Amino acid sequence: MPLTVEATYENGTLKLSQPLPLKEHEKVQVTAHIGPTWAERTAGMMGWTGSTDLADDFAMSPELDYPIPEEEP
C-alpha cells in the first residue's frame, strides 16, 4: 500500500509532516522525489528563454542582490 507524505530533510534526517500508520519496527522502502527549484517553478513568467541552470545562477548570485549592499568604509 503506497503512502505519500511530505517531508523535510534536516540535519541528515527526514522530518515527516504527519505520522505514518505503521507498526513499530516495520520495514519500509523510501523513494524521494525532489521538487522543482524556484527558477523551474517560475520559469516562463517573464519570457525567459535561457536554461534553468542560468536562471538559478541569476536568482542565487549574491553579486546580483538588490538593493546593492553598501560597502564598508
Protein backbone atom coordinates (compact mmCIF):
# COMPACT_ATOMS: atom_id res chain seq x y z
CA MET A 1 0.00 0.00 0.00
CA PRO A 2 1.78 3.18 -1.13
CA LEU A 3 1.69 6.26 1.10
CA THR A 4 2.63 9.78 0.11
CA VAL A 5 3.73 12.13 2.88
CA GLU A 6 5.60 15.42 2.60
CA ALA A 7 8.90 15.56 4.47
CA THR A 8 11.76 18.00 5.02
CA TYR A 9 15.40 16.91 5.02
CA GLU A 10 17.11 18.41 8.05
CA ASN A 11 20.47 17.51 9.62
CA GLY A 12 20.64 14.14 7.88
CA THR A 13 17.09 13.12 8.82
CA LEU A 14 13.76 13.24 7.03
CA LYS A 15 11.19 15.05 9.19
CA LEU A 16 7.69 13.87 8.20
CA SER A 17 4.83 16.37 8.14
CA GLN A 18 2.49 13.81 9.73
CA PRO A 19 2.69 10.43 11.48
CA LEU A 20 2.53 7.22 9.45
CA PRO A 21 0.13 4.33 10.15
CA LEU A 22 2.96 1.82 10.67
CA LYS A 23 3.74 -0.76 13.32
CA GLU A 24 6.89 -0.28 15.42
CA HIS A 25 10.00 -1.65 13.61
CA GLU A 26 8.03 -2.22 10.37
CA LYS A 27 10.35 -2.15 7.35
CA VAL A 28 9.53 0.25 4.50
CA GLN A 29 11.15 1.44 1.28
CA VAL A 30 11.63 5.18 0.73
CA THR A 31 11.70 6.94 -2.63
CA ALA A 32 12.43 10.67 -2.56
CA HIS A 33 11.02 12.95 -5.27
CA ILE A 34 12.79 16.30 -5.10
CA GLY A 35 10.59 19.23 -6.08
CA PRO A 36 11.49 21.77 -8.73
CA THR A 37 13.77 24.70 -7.90
CA TRP A 38 12.37 28.20 -7.52
CA ALA A 39 13.67 29.05 -11.00
CA GLU A 40 11.97 25.97 -12.50
CA ARG A 41 8.66 26.77 -10.74
CA THR A 42 8.65 30.36 -12.03
CA ALA A 43 10.11 29.68 -15.48
CA GLY A 44 8.23 31.40 -18.27
CA MET A 45 6.68 34.15 -16.15
CA MET A 46 8.93 36.78 -17.71
CA GLY A 47 9.55 35.22 -21.12
CA TRP A 48 12.97 33.79 -20.13
CA THR A 49 14.45 31.71 -22.95
CA GLY A 50 17.69 30.70 -21.22
CA SER A 51 18.37 27.49 -19.32
CA THR A 52 17.08 26.79 -15.81
CA ASP A 53 20.73 26.47 -14.67
CA LEU A 54 21.47 30.01 -15.84
CA ALA A 55 18.24 31.27 -14.25
CA ASP A 56 19.28 29.60 -10.97
CA ASP A 57 22.67 31.35 -11.23
CA PHE A 58 20.97 34.73 -11.70
CA ALA A 59 18.48 34.08 -8.90
CA MET A 60 21.03 32.88 -6.35
CA SER A 61 24.09 35.04 -7.14
CA PRO A 62 24.98 37.35 -4.22
CA GLU A 63 26.60 39.68 -6.76
CA LEU A 64 23.14 40.37 -8.19
CA ASP A 65 21.41 41.10 -4.85
CA TYR A 66 19.16 44.16 -4.83
CA PRO A 67 19.44 46.61 -3.27
CA ILE A 68 23.21 46.59 -3.61
CA PRO A 69 24.76 46.31 -0.13
CA GLU A 70 26.73 49.36 0.93
CA GLU A 71 30.47 48.89 1.02
CA GLU A 72 32.21 49.27 4.35
CA PRO A 73 34.45 52.41 4.65
